[in-house]
């Protein structure tokens, strides 16, 4: 069973926590990670791109010129796709890009992402993050102390003080353990877990 050091916000080692190898020591499957990230990004697409076909464009009810005798090609409407200002052929229309992947596969991908961060020494476990008042300055001081550049914090509960203290830092994101996902884990260089969230994550992924 793997063991991780637990630090306080002053960067002092205070204890150790046992990590389940089935979650933090699993073999990394890059194909599964790719599939799940692709699904997540597809689900985030708004799908609002839209174009007008010739039937949607206003006007064009009158025949531009007579059928014969002008020397020009036949034309029935100014809203033809070959005319400037006409309709669009095979253009995009509003649609839903989202699709689903089996729950077991999604869990496996999260396990692979967590194992990758642990093996790369990009995962940090904090005992807690006590803050009596909202302060971006104090929070930034802790982040700088640990030399965290782009960090994802996993919280065990809804800590409003911590959330509001970090919201002005563009390279820091806070999520609860219930919202852990592959894209956020891999999109941040460092992963910071509050100690109580470790067991919550293990329990959810191994259930």
N, C-alpha and C. Protein backbone atom coordinates (compact mmCIF):
# COMPACT_ATOMS: atom_id res chain seq x y z
N UNK A 1 0.84 -1.20 0.00
CA UNK A 1 0.00 0.00 0.00
C UNK A 1 0.87 1.25 0.00
N UNK A 2 0.59 2.17 -0.89
CA UNK A 2 1.37 3.40 -1.00
C UNK A 2 1.09 4.31 0.18
N UNK A 3 2.06 5.14 0.48
CA UNK A 3 1.96 6.08 1.59
C UNK A 3 2.30 7.48 1.08
N UNK A 4 1.51 8.46 1.49
CA UNK A 4 1.78 9.85 1.11
C UNK A 4 1.97 10.70 2.35
N UNK A 5 2.91 11.62 2.28
CA UNK A 5 3.14 12.54 3.39
C UNK A 5 2.00 13.56 3.45
N UNK A 6 1.64 13.93 4.67
CA UNK A 6 0.58 14.92 4.89
C UNK A 6 1.22 16.18 5.47
N UNK A 7 0.94 17.33 4.85
CA UNK A 7 1.54 18.60 5.27
C UNK A 7 0.47 19.54 5.81
N UNK A 8 0.92 20.50 6.60
CA UNK A 8 0.02 21.59 6.98
C UNK A 8 0.29 22.76 6.04
N UNK A 9 -0.41 23.87 6.22
CA UNK A 9 -0.28 24.97 5.26
C UNK A 9 1.03 25.74 5.45
N UNK A 10 1.83 25.36 6.44
CA UNK A 10 3.14 25.97 6.63
C UNK A 10 4.24 25.08 6.05
N UNK A 11 3.83 24.08 5.30
CA UNK A 11 4.72 23.14 4.61
C UNK A 11 5.52 22.27 5.59
N UNK A 12 4.90 21.98 6.74
CA UNK A 12 5.53 21.08 7.70
C UNK A 12 4.85 19.72 7.64
N UNK A 13 5.64 18.68 7.57
CA UNK A 13 5.09 17.33 7.54
C UNK A 13 4.51 16.99 8.91
N UNK A 14 3.24 16.64 8.94
CA UNK A 14 2.57 16.38 10.21
C UNK A 14 2.22 14.90 10.40
N UNK A 15 2.05 14.17 9.30
CA UNK A 15 1.71 12.75 9.40
C UNK A 15 1.82 12.10 8.03
N UNK A 16 1.31 10.88 7.94
CA UNK A 16 1.26 10.16 6.67
C UNK A 16 -0.12 9.54 6.51
N UNK A 17 -0.50 9.30 5.28
CA UNK A 17 -1.80 8.68 5.00
C UNK A 17 -1.59 7.51 4.05
N UNK A 18 -2.27 6.41 4.34
CA UNK A 18 -2.19 5.24 3.47
C UNK A 18 -3.10 5.44 2.26
N UNK A 19 -2.57 5.14 1.08
CA UNK A 19 -3.32 5.26 -0.16
C UNK A 19 -3.60 3.88 -0.72
N UNK A 20 -4.82 3.68 -1.15
CA UNK A 20 -5.20 2.41 -1.73
C UNK A 20 -4.55 2.25 -3.11
N UNK A 21 -3.80 1.17 -3.29
CA UNK A 21 -3.12 0.95 -4.57
C UNK A 21 -4.08 0.79 -5.73
N UNK A 22 -5.30 0.37 -5.44
CA UNK A 22 -6.29 0.20 -6.50
C UNK A 22 -6.74 1.53 -7.08
N UNK A 23 -6.48 2.63 -6.34
CA UNK A 23 -6.88 3.96 -6.79
C UNK A 23 -5.67 4.81 -7.17
N UNK A 24 -4.62 4.77 -6.37
CA UNK A 24 -3.47 5.63 -6.59
C UNK A 24 -2.23 4.89 -7.12
N UNK A 25 -2.35 3.59 -7.29
CA UNK A 25 -1.20 2.83 -7.79
C UNK A 25 -1.55 1.94 -8.96
N UNK A 26 -2.61 2.29 -9.67
CA UNK A 26 -3.06 1.47 -10.79
C UNK A 26 -2.22 1.74 -12.05
N UNK A 27 -2.27 0.79 -12.96
CA UNK A 27 -1.59 0.96 -14.25
C UNK A 27 -2.34 2.01 -15.08
N UNK A 28 -1.60 2.90 -15.69
CA UNK A 28 -2.22 3.99 -16.46
C UNK A 28 -2.60 3.51 -17.86
N UNK A 29 -3.87 3.65 -18.19
CA UNK A 29 -4.38 3.28 -19.51
C UNK A 29 -4.70 4.57 -20.27
N UNK A 30 -3.80 4.96 -21.17
CA UNK A 30 -3.96 6.24 -21.86
C UNK A 30 -5.17 6.23 -22.81
N UNK A 31 -5.52 5.09 -23.35
CA UNK A 31 -6.65 5.01 -24.28
C UNK A 31 -7.96 5.35 -23.57
N UNK A 32 -8.12 4.83 -22.35
CA UNK A 32 -9.33 5.12 -21.58
C UNK A 32 -9.38 6.60 -21.21
N UNK A 33 -8.24 7.15 -20.81
CA UNK A 33 -8.19 8.58 -20.47
C UNK A 33 -8.59 9.42 -21.67
N UNK A 34 -8.08 9.07 -22.83
CA UNK A 34 -8.42 9.82 -24.05
C UNK A 34 -9.91 9.77 -24.34
N UNK A 35 -10.50 8.59 -24.23
CA UNK A 35 -11.93 8.43 -24.53
C UNK A 35 -12.80 9.27 -23.59
N UNK A 36 -12.45 9.28 -22.31
CA UNK A 36 -13.26 10.00 -21.34
C UNK A 36 -13.10 11.51 -21.49
N UNK A 37 -11.88 11.97 -21.74
CA UNK A 37 -11.67 13.41 -21.95
C UNK A 37 -12.40 13.87 -23.21
N UNK A 38 -12.36 13.05 -24.24
CA UNK A 38 -13.08 13.39 -25.48
C UNK A 38 -14.58 13.50 -25.21
N UNK A 39 -15.12 12.61 -24.38
CA UNK A 39 -16.53 12.67 -24.02
C UNK A 39 -16.84 13.93 -23.22
N UNK A 40 -15.96 14.28 -22.26
CA UNK A 40 -16.19 15.47 -21.45
C UNK A 40 -16.19 16.74 -22.29
N UNK A 41 -15.23 16.85 -23.19
CA UNK A 41 -15.14 18.05 -24.02
C UNK A 41 -16.32 18.13 -25.00
N UNK A 42 -16.77 16.99 -25.49
CA UNK A 42 -17.92 16.98 -26.39
C UNK A 42 -19.17 17.43 -25.64
N UNK A 43 -19.29 17.03 -24.39
CA UNK A 43 -20.47 17.40 -23.59
C UNK A 43 -20.48 18.88 -23.26
N UNK A 44 -19.31 19.51 -23.27
CA UNK A 44 -19.23 20.94 -22.95
C UNK A 44 -19.52 21.83 -24.17
N UNK A 45 -19.58 21.26 -25.34
CA UNK A 45 -19.85 22.05 -26.54
C UNK A 45 -21.27 22.60 -26.50
N UNK A 46 -21.42 23.86 -26.83
CA UNK A 46 -22.74 24.48 -26.77
C UNK A 46 -23.65 23.98 -27.88
N UNK A 47 -23.08 23.70 -29.05
CA UNK A 47 -23.89 23.20 -30.15
C UNK A 47 -24.90 24.20 -30.67
N UNK A 48 -24.57 25.49 -30.60
CA UNK A 48 -25.53 26.52 -31.02
C UNK A 48 -25.23 27.09 -32.40
N UNK A 49 -24.19 26.61 -33.07
CA UNK A 49 -23.86 27.11 -34.41
C UNK A 49 -25.04 26.84 -35.35
N UNK A 50 -25.41 27.85 -36.13
CA UNK A 50 -26.58 27.70 -36.99
C UNK A 50 -26.44 28.49 -38.27
N UNK A 51 -26.92 27.94 -39.37
CA UNK A 51 -26.94 28.64 -40.66
C UNK A 51 -28.32 28.50 -41.27
N UNK A 52 -28.62 29.35 -42.24
CA UNK A 52 -29.92 29.33 -42.90
C UNK A 52 -29.84 28.63 -44.25
N UNK A 53 -30.77 27.75 -44.50
CA UNK A 53 -30.87 27.14 -45.81
C UNK A 53 -31.67 28.09 -46.72
N UNK A 54 -31.83 27.73 -47.98
CA UNK A 54 -32.53 28.61 -48.91
C UNK A 54 -33.99 28.85 -48.50
N UNK A 55 -34.54 27.90 -47.74
CA UNK A 55 -35.93 28.08 -47.30
C UNK A 55 -36.05 29.00 -46.10
N UNK A 56 -34.94 29.24 -45.42
CA UNK A 56 -34.96 30.09 -44.23
C UNK A 56 -34.64 31.55 -44.53
N UNK A 57 -33.94 31.80 -45.65
CA UNK A 57 -33.54 33.17 -45.98
C UNK A 57 -34.75 33.96 -46.46
N UNK A 58 -34.89 35.18 -45.96
CA UNK A 58 -36.05 35.99 -46.34
C UNK A 58 -35.89 36.53 -47.76
N UNK A 59 -37.00 36.81 -48.40
CA UNK A 59 -36.98 37.36 -49.75
C UNK A 59 -36.86 36.27 -50.81
N UNK A 60 -36.62 36.72 -52.04
CA UNK A 60 -36.40 35.76 -53.12
C UNK A 60 -37.67 35.15 -53.69
N UNK A 61 -38.81 35.74 -53.43
CA UNK A 61 -40.05 35.16 -53.93
C UNK A 61 -40.28 35.42 -55.41
N UNK A 62 -39.71 36.50 -55.90
CA UNK A 62 -39.90 36.86 -57.31
C UNK A 62 -38.78 36.29 -58.17
N UNK A 63 -39.15 35.82 -59.34
CA UNK A 63 -38.15 35.33 -60.28
C UNK A 63 -37.31 36.51 -60.77
N UNK A 64 -35.96 36.44 -60.65
CA UNK A 64 -35.11 37.60 -60.98
C UNK A 64 -35.30 38.11 -62.40
N UNK A 65 -35.40 37.26 -63.36
CA UNK A 65 -35.64 37.63 -64.75
C UNK A 65 -36.36 36.49 -65.47
N UNK A 66 -36.83 36.79 -66.62
CA UNK A 66 -37.60 35.78 -67.36
C UNK A 66 -36.73 34.57 -67.70
N UNK A 67 -37.39 33.48 -67.97
CA UNK A 67 -36.71 32.21 -68.17
C UNK A 67 -35.82 32.22 -69.41
N UNK A 68 -36.31 32.78 -70.50
CA UNK A 68 -35.57 32.71 -71.76
C UNK A 68 -35.34 34.09 -72.36
N UNK A 69 -34.35 34.16 -73.21
CA UNK A 69 -34.15 35.35 -74.03
C UNK A 69 -33.19 36.39 -73.50
N UNK A 70 -32.67 36.21 -72.29
CA UNK A 70 -31.76 37.24 -71.74
C UNK A 70 -30.29 36.89 -71.96
N UNK A 71 -30.00 35.66 -72.31
CA UNK A 71 -28.61 35.24 -72.48
C UNK A 71 -27.96 34.83 -71.17
N UNK A 72 -28.69 34.95 -70.10
CA UNK A 72 -28.15 34.55 -68.79
C UNK A 72 -28.69 33.20 -68.37
N UNK A 73 -28.04 32.62 -67.37
CA UNK A 73 -28.49 31.32 -66.88
C UNK A 73 -29.86 31.45 -66.23
N UNK A 74 -30.59 30.37 -66.24
CA UNK A 74 -31.90 30.36 -65.61
C UNK A 74 -31.78 30.61 -64.10
N UNK A 75 -32.68 31.38 -63.56
CA UNK A 75 -32.68 31.65 -62.11
C UNK A 75 -34.12 31.76 -61.64
N UNK A 76 -34.41 31.08 -60.56
CA UNK A 76 -35.77 31.11 -60.03
C UNK A 76 -35.89 31.93 -58.76
N UNK A 77 -34.78 32.17 -58.08
CA UNK A 77 -34.82 32.92 -56.82
C UNK A 77 -33.45 33.50 -56.51
N UNK A 78 -33.45 34.63 -55.84
CA UNK A 78 -32.18 35.25 -55.44
C UNK A 78 -31.63 34.60 -54.17
N UNK A 79 -32.36 33.67 -53.59
CA UNK A 79 -31.92 33.01 -52.36
C UNK A 79 -31.29 31.64 -52.62
N UNK A 80 -30.95 31.39 -53.87
CA UNK A 80 -30.26 30.15 -54.22
C UNK A 80 -28.88 30.11 -53.56
N UNK A 81 -28.39 28.97 -53.15
CA UNK A 81 -27.07 28.88 -52.51
C UNK A 81 -25.92 29.39 -53.38
N UNK A 82 -26.12 29.45 -54.70
CA UNK A 82 -25.03 29.92 -55.55
C UNK A 82 -25.03 31.44 -55.69
N UNK A 83 -26.01 32.08 -55.09
CA UNK A 83 -26.07 33.54 -55.13
C UNK A 83 -25.52 34.12 -53.84
N UNK A 84 -24.92 35.32 -53.95
CA UNK A 84 -24.47 36.04 -52.77
C UNK A 84 -25.69 36.44 -51.95
N UNK A 85 -25.69 36.14 -50.67
CA UNK A 85 -26.83 36.42 -49.81
C UNK A 85 -27.86 35.31 -49.80
N UNK A 86 -27.52 34.23 -50.50
CA UNK A 86 -28.45 33.10 -50.54
C UNK A 86 -28.27 32.17 -49.36
N UNK A 87 -28.94 31.03 -49.44
CA UNK A 87 -28.86 30.05 -48.36
C UNK A 87 -27.53 29.32 -48.32
N UNK A 88 -27.30 28.60 -47.25
CA UNK A 88 -26.07 27.82 -47.06
C UNK A 88 -26.39 26.34 -47.24
N UNK A 89 -25.54 25.65 -48.01
CA UNK A 89 -25.73 24.22 -48.24
C UNK A 89 -24.91 23.43 -47.21
N UNK A 90 -25.54 22.49 -46.54
CA UNK A 90 -24.87 21.61 -45.58
C UNK A 90 -24.17 22.37 -44.45
N UNK A 91 -24.73 23.52 -44.06
CA UNK A 91 -24.14 24.28 -42.97
C UNK A 91 -24.52 23.68 -41.61
N UNK A 92 -23.89 24.15 -40.52
CA UNK A 92 -24.20 23.62 -39.19
C UNK A 92 -25.57 24.06 -38.69
N UNK A 93 -26.17 23.23 -37.88
CA UNK A 93 -27.45 23.53 -37.25
C UNK A 93 -27.35 23.14 -35.78
N UNK A 94 -28.15 23.76 -34.92
CA UNK A 94 -28.08 23.42 -33.48
C UNK A 94 -28.23 21.93 -33.24
N UNK A 95 -27.33 21.40 -32.40
CA UNK A 95 -27.36 19.97 -32.11
C UNK A 95 -26.71 19.70 -30.76
N UNK A 96 -26.93 18.52 -30.25
CA UNK A 96 -26.36 18.09 -28.97
C UNK A 96 -25.18 17.18 -29.26
N UNK A 97 -23.98 17.60 -28.87
CA UNK A 97 -22.77 16.82 -29.13
C UNK A 97 -22.48 15.79 -28.05
N UNK A 98 -23.19 15.85 -26.94
CA UNK A 98 -22.87 14.99 -25.81
C UNK A 98 -23.21 13.53 -26.08
N UNK A 99 -22.44 12.67 -25.46
CA UNK A 99 -22.71 11.23 -25.49
C UNK A 99 -22.18 10.64 -24.19
N UNK A 100 -22.53 9.42 -23.91
CA UNK A 100 -22.16 8.83 -22.62
C UNK A 100 -21.20 7.66 -22.80
N UNK A 101 -20.45 7.41 -21.75
CA UNK A 101 -19.52 6.28 -21.66
C UNK A 101 -19.89 5.51 -20.40
N UNK A 102 -19.77 4.19 -20.41
CA UNK A 102 -20.12 3.41 -19.21
C UNK A 102 -19.47 3.94 -17.94
N UNK A 103 -20.20 3.87 -16.85
CA UNK A 103 -19.74 4.40 -15.57
C UNK A 103 -18.43 3.74 -15.13
N UNK A 104 -18.30 2.45 -15.37
CA UNK A 104 -17.07 1.75 -14.97
C UNK A 104 -15.85 2.30 -15.71
N UNK A 105 -16.05 2.66 -16.96
CA UNK A 105 -14.94 3.21 -17.75
C UNK A 105 -14.56 4.59 -17.22
N UNK A 106 -15.56 5.39 -16.86
CA UNK A 106 -15.28 6.73 -16.32
C UNK A 106 -14.51 6.62 -15.00
N UNK A 107 -14.93 5.68 -14.15
CA UNK A 107 -14.22 5.48 -12.88
C UNK A 107 -12.78 5.04 -13.13
N UNK A 108 -12.60 4.13 -14.08
CA UNK A 108 -11.26 3.64 -14.39
C UNK A 108 -10.37 4.78 -14.88
N UNK A 109 -10.94 5.68 -15.67
CA UNK A 109 -10.16 6.81 -16.19
C UNK A 109 -9.72 7.74 -15.06
N UNK A 110 -10.61 7.98 -14.09
CA UNK A 110 -10.25 8.82 -12.94
C UNK A 110 -9.13 8.16 -12.14
N UNK A 111 -9.24 6.86 -11.95
CA UNK A 111 -8.20 6.11 -11.24
C UNK A 111 -6.86 6.23 -11.96
N UNK A 112 -6.88 6.12 -13.28
CA UNK A 112 -5.65 6.25 -14.07
C UNK A 112 -5.05 7.65 -13.91
N UNK A 113 -5.90 8.68 -13.92
CA UNK A 113 -5.42 10.05 -13.79
C UNK A 113 -4.82 10.29 -12.41
N UNK A 114 -5.46 9.78 -11.37
CA UNK A 114 -4.94 9.93 -10.01
C UNK A 114 -3.60 9.19 -9.86
N UNK A 115 -3.54 8.00 -10.41
CA UNK A 115 -2.30 7.21 -10.34
C UNK A 115 -1.17 7.91 -11.08
N UNK A 116 -1.50 8.54 -12.19
CA UNK A 116 -0.48 9.26 -12.96
C UNK A 116 0.08 10.42 -12.15
N UNK A 117 -0.79 11.19 -11.51
CA UNK A 117 -0.32 12.33 -10.71
C UNK A 117 0.53 11.87 -9.53
N UNK A 118 0.13 10.77 -8.91
CA UNK A 118 0.90 10.26 -7.76
C UNK A 118 2.28 9.77 -8.20
N UNK A 119 2.33 9.06 -9.32
CA UNK A 119 3.61 8.53 -9.80
C UNK A 119 4.55 9.64 -10.25
N UNK A 120 3.97 10.75 -10.72
CA UNK A 120 4.79 11.87 -11.19
C UNK A 120 5.14 12.84 -10.06
N UNK A 121 4.75 12.50 -8.82
CA UNK A 121 4.99 13.36 -7.65
C UNK A 121 4.36 14.74 -7.82
N UNK A 122 3.21 14.76 -8.45
CA UNK A 122 2.47 15.99 -8.66
C UNK A 122 1.24 16.05 -7.76
N UNK A 123 1.17 15.18 -6.78
CA UNK A 123 0.03 15.14 -5.88
C UNK A 123 0.48 15.50 -4.46
N UNK A 124 -0.29 16.36 -3.82
CA UNK A 124 0.03 16.82 -2.47
C UNK A 124 -1.18 16.63 -1.57
N UNK A 125 -0.94 16.13 -0.36
CA UNK A 125 -2.01 15.95 0.61
C UNK A 125 -1.83 16.94 1.75
N UNK A 126 -2.86 17.76 1.99
CA UNK A 126 -2.84 18.73 3.10
C UNK A 126 -3.72 18.24 4.24
N UNK A 127 -3.25 18.44 5.47
CA UNK A 127 -4.04 18.06 6.64
C UNK A 127 -5.38 18.79 6.62
N UNK A 128 -5.34 20.09 6.44
CA UNK A 128 -6.52 20.92 6.28
C UNK A 128 -6.06 22.27 5.74
N UNK A 129 -6.98 23.17 5.57
CA UNK A 129 -6.63 24.50 5.07
C UNK A 129 -7.44 25.52 5.88
N UNK A 130 -7.05 25.74 7.13
CA UNK A 130 -7.83 26.63 8.00
C UNK A 130 -7.69 28.10 7.59
N UNK A 131 -8.82 28.75 7.39
CA UNK A 131 -8.84 30.19 7.11
C UNK A 131 -10.02 30.80 7.83
N UNK A 132 -9.74 31.78 8.69
CA UNK A 132 -10.79 32.40 9.49
C UNK A 132 -11.58 33.42 8.69
N UNK A 133 -10.96 34.02 7.70
CA UNK A 133 -11.63 35.04 6.90
C UNK A 133 -11.21 34.91 5.44
N UNK A 134 -11.99 35.49 4.56
CA UNK A 134 -11.68 35.46 3.14
C UNK A 134 -10.48 36.35 2.86
N UNK A 135 -9.43 35.77 2.28
CA UNK A 135 -8.22 36.53 2.00
C UNK A 135 -7.46 35.88 0.85
N UNK A 136 -7.46 36.54 -0.29
CA UNK A 136 -6.70 36.04 -1.44
C UNK A 136 -5.21 36.11 -1.15
N UNK A 137 -4.78 37.12 -0.41
CA UNK A 137 -3.36 37.29 -0.10
C UNK A 137 -2.83 36.11 0.71
N UNK A 138 -3.58 35.72 1.74
CA UNK A 138 -3.14 34.59 2.58
C UNK A 138 -3.14 33.30 1.76
N UNK A 139 -4.19 33.11 0.98
CA UNK A 139 -4.27 31.89 0.16
C UNK A 139 -3.11 31.84 -0.84
N UNK A 140 -2.83 32.95 -1.49
CA UNK A 140 -1.74 32.99 -2.46
C UNK A 140 -0.40 32.72 -1.80
N UNK A 141 -0.26 33.17 -0.55
CA UNK A 141 0.98 32.91 0.17
C UNK A 141 1.22 31.42 0.36
N UNK A 142 0.16 30.67 0.65
CA UNK A 142 0.29 29.21 0.81
C UNK A 142 0.62 28.56 -0.52
N UNK A 143 -0.06 29.00 -1.59
CA UNK A 143 0.21 28.45 -2.92
C UNK A 143 1.65 28.70 -3.33
N UNK A 144 2.15 29.89 -3.08
CA UNK A 144 3.54 30.23 -3.43
C UNK A 144 4.53 29.44 -2.57
N UNK A 145 4.17 29.18 -1.32
CA UNK A 145 5.06 28.43 -0.42
C UNK A 145 5.31 27.03 -0.95
N UNK A 146 4.27 26.43 -1.54
CA UNK A 146 4.42 25.08 -2.10
C UNK A 146 4.83 25.10 -3.57
N UNK A 147 5.08 26.29 -4.11
CA UNK A 147 5.49 26.44 -5.52
C UNK A 147 4.50 25.80 -6.48
N UNK A 148 3.23 26.09 -6.24
CA UNK A 148 2.17 25.54 -7.10
C UNK A 148 1.88 26.53 -8.21
N UNK A 149 1.97 26.08 -9.45
CA UNK A 149 1.72 26.96 -10.59
C UNK A 149 0.26 26.86 -11.04
N UNK A 150 -0.13 25.71 -11.50
CA UNK A 150 -1.51 25.48 -11.92
C UNK A 150 -2.04 24.33 -11.09
N UNK A 151 -2.93 24.62 -10.14
CA UNK A 151 -3.30 23.63 -9.14
C UNK A 151 -4.79 23.39 -9.08
N UNK A 152 -5.13 22.13 -8.83
CA UNK A 152 -6.51 21.72 -8.60
C UNK A 152 -6.64 21.25 -7.17
N UNK A 153 -7.53 21.90 -6.40
CA UNK A 153 -7.77 21.52 -5.01
C UNK A 153 -9.03 20.66 -4.94
N UNK A 154 -8.92 19.53 -4.24
CA UNK A 154 -10.07 18.66 -4.02
C UNK A 154 -10.51 18.81 -2.57
N UNK A 155 -11.72 19.34 -2.35
CA UNK A 155 -12.23 19.58 -1.00
C UNK A 155 -13.17 18.46 -0.58
N UNK A 156 -13.26 18.26 0.73
CA UNK A 156 -14.16 17.23 1.25
C UNK A 156 -15.55 17.78 1.53
N UNK A 157 -15.67 19.12 1.64
CA UNK A 157 -16.98 19.73 1.86
C UNK A 157 -16.99 21.11 1.21
N UNK A 158 -18.09 21.80 1.35
CA UNK A 158 -18.24 23.11 0.70
C UNK A 158 -17.67 24.20 1.61
N UNK A 159 -16.41 24.54 1.43
CA UNK A 159 -15.72 25.54 2.24
C UNK A 159 -15.81 26.89 1.55
N UNK A 160 -16.79 27.71 1.94
CA UNK A 160 -17.04 28.99 1.27
C UNK A 160 -15.86 29.96 1.42
N UNK A 161 -15.23 29.97 2.59
CA UNK A 161 -14.11 30.88 2.82
C UNK A 161 -12.97 30.55 1.87
N UNK A 162 -12.68 29.28 1.73
CA UNK A 162 -11.59 28.85 0.85
C UNK A 162 -11.94 29.09 -0.62
N UNK A 163 -13.18 28.82 -0.96
CA UNK A 163 -13.62 29.03 -2.34
C UNK A 163 -13.51 30.49 -2.75
N UNK A 164 -13.97 31.38 -1.88
CA UNK A 164 -13.95 32.81 -2.21
C UNK A 164 -12.55 33.39 -2.14
N UNK A 165 -11.68 32.79 -1.34
CA UNK A 165 -10.30 33.28 -1.26
C UNK A 165 -9.50 32.92 -2.50
N UNK A 166 -9.92 31.89 -3.21
CA UNK A 166 -9.16 31.41 -4.37
C UNK A 166 -9.75 31.82 -5.71
N UNK A 167 -10.95 32.40 -5.72
CA UNK A 167 -11.64 32.61 -6.99
C UNK A 167 -10.99 33.66 -7.89
N UNK A 168 -10.15 34.53 -7.33
CA UNK A 168 -9.47 35.53 -8.16
C UNK A 168 -8.14 35.04 -8.71
N UNK A 169 -7.78 33.80 -8.42
CA UNK A 169 -6.53 33.24 -8.94
C UNK A 169 -6.86 32.35 -10.12
N UNK A 170 -6.45 32.77 -11.32
CA UNK A 170 -6.87 32.11 -12.55
C UNK A 170 -6.28 30.71 -12.71
N UNK A 171 -5.17 30.42 -12.06
CA UNK A 171 -4.53 29.12 -12.22
C UNK A 171 -4.87 28.14 -11.10
N UNK A 172 -5.88 28.48 -10.31
CA UNK A 172 -6.31 27.62 -9.21
C UNK A 172 -7.78 27.30 -9.36
N UNK A 173 -8.13 26.04 -9.17
CA UNK A 173 -9.54 25.64 -9.24
C UNK A 173 -9.87 24.78 -8.03
N UNK A 174 -11.07 24.98 -7.50
CA UNK A 174 -11.55 24.22 -6.34
C UNK A 174 -12.76 23.38 -6.75
N UNK A 175 -12.72 22.09 -6.44
CA UNK A 175 -13.89 21.25 -6.65
C UNK A 175 -14.04 20.32 -5.45
N UNK A 176 -15.25 19.86 -5.23
CA UNK A 176 -15.48 18.89 -4.17
C UNK A 176 -15.16 17.50 -4.67
N UNK A 177 -14.94 16.59 -3.75
CA UNK A 177 -14.56 15.23 -4.12
C UNK A 177 -15.61 14.56 -5.00
N UNK A 178 -16.89 14.96 -4.85
CA UNK A 178 -17.95 14.38 -5.67
C UNK A 178 -17.84 14.80 -7.13
N UNK A 179 -17.16 15.91 -7.40
CA UNK A 179 -17.07 16.42 -8.77
C UNK A 179 -15.74 16.12 -9.44
N UNK A 180 -14.95 15.24 -8.86
CA UNK A 180 -13.64 14.94 -9.44
C UNK A 180 -13.81 14.33 -10.84
N UNK A 181 -12.99 14.79 -11.78
CA UNK A 181 -13.09 14.32 -13.16
C UNK A 181 -11.72 14.31 -13.82
N UNK A 182 -11.62 13.56 -14.90
CA UNK A 182 -10.33 13.34 -15.56
C UNK A 182 -9.78 14.63 -16.16
N UNK A 183 -10.63 15.39 -16.83
CA UNK A 183 -10.15 16.58 -17.53
C UNK A 183 -9.51 17.58 -16.56
N UNK A 184 -10.18 17.86 -15.46
CA UNK A 184 -9.64 18.83 -14.50
C UNK A 184 -8.34 18.33 -13.87
N UNK A 185 -8.26 17.04 -13.60
CA UNK A 185 -7.04 16.49 -13.00
C UNK A 185 -5.85 16.69 -13.92
N UNK A 186 -6.02 16.34 -15.20
CA UNK A 186 -4.91 16.40 -16.14
C UNK A 186 -4.68 17.81 -16.70
N UNK A 187 -5.66 18.68 -16.55
CA UNK A 187 -5.52 20.04 -17.04
C UNK A 187 -4.77 20.93 -16.05
N UNK A 188 -4.48 20.40 -14.88
CA UNK A 188 -3.72 21.14 -13.87
C UNK A 188 -2.44 20.38 -13.55
N UNK A 189 -1.38 21.12 -13.37
CA UNK A 189 -0.07 20.50 -13.12
C UNK A 189 -0.03 19.80 -11.77
N UNK A 190 -0.60 20.43 -10.75
CA UNK A 190 -0.55 19.87 -9.40
C UNK A 190 -1.95 19.53 -8.90
N UNK A 191 -2.03 18.45 -8.16
CA UNK A 191 -3.29 18.00 -7.55
C UNK A 191 -3.12 18.06 -6.04
N UNK A 192 -3.97 18.84 -5.37
CA UNK A 192 -3.90 18.99 -3.91
C UNK A 192 -5.16 18.42 -3.30
N UNK A 193 -4.98 17.44 -2.44
CA UNK A 193 -6.10 16.79 -1.77
C UNK A 193 -6.10 17.16 -0.29
N UNK A 194 -7.23 17.59 0.23
CA UNK A 194 -7.36 17.70 1.67
C UNK A 194 -7.53 16.29 2.22
N UNK A 195 -6.87 15.98 3.32
CA UNK A 195 -6.81 14.60 3.82
C UNK A 195 -8.17 13.92 3.92
N UNK A 196 -9.23 14.57 4.42
CA UNK A 196 -10.52 13.88 4.50
C UNK A 196 -11.09 13.46 3.14
N UNK A 197 -10.67 14.16 2.07
CA UNK A 197 -11.21 13.84 0.75
C UNK A 197 -10.61 12.56 0.17
N UNK A 198 -9.45 12.15 0.69
CA UNK A 198 -8.78 10.95 0.16
C UNK A 198 -9.68 9.72 0.33
N UNK A 199 -10.19 9.50 1.52
CA UNK A 199 -11.03 8.34 1.78
C UNK A 199 -12.37 8.44 1.04
N UNK A 200 -12.87 9.66 0.88
CA UNK A 200 -14.11 9.85 0.13
C UNK A 200 -13.93 9.43 -1.33
N UNK A 201 -12.80 9.82 -1.90
CA UNK A 201 -12.52 9.48 -3.28
C UNK A 201 -12.34 7.97 -3.43
N UNK A 202 -11.59 7.38 -2.53
CA UNK A 202 -11.37 5.93 -2.60
C UNK A 202 -12.69 5.18 -2.46
N UNK A 203 -13.53 5.62 -1.53
CA UNK A 203 -14.82 4.95 -1.31
C UNK A 203 -15.71 5.05 -2.54
N UNK A 204 -15.72 6.22 -3.19
CA UNK A 204 -16.59 6.40 -4.37
C UNK A 204 -16.09 5.60 -5.56
N UNK A 205 -14.78 5.55 -5.77
CA UNK A 205 -14.24 4.86 -6.94
C UNK A 205 -14.23 3.33 -6.80
N UNK A 206 -14.21 2.87 -5.57
CA UNK A 206 -14.15 1.40 -5.35
C UNK A 206 -15.52 0.83 -5.02
N UNK A 207 -16.54 1.68 -4.96
CA UNK A 207 -17.89 1.20 -4.61
C UNK A 207 -18.46 0.34 -5.74
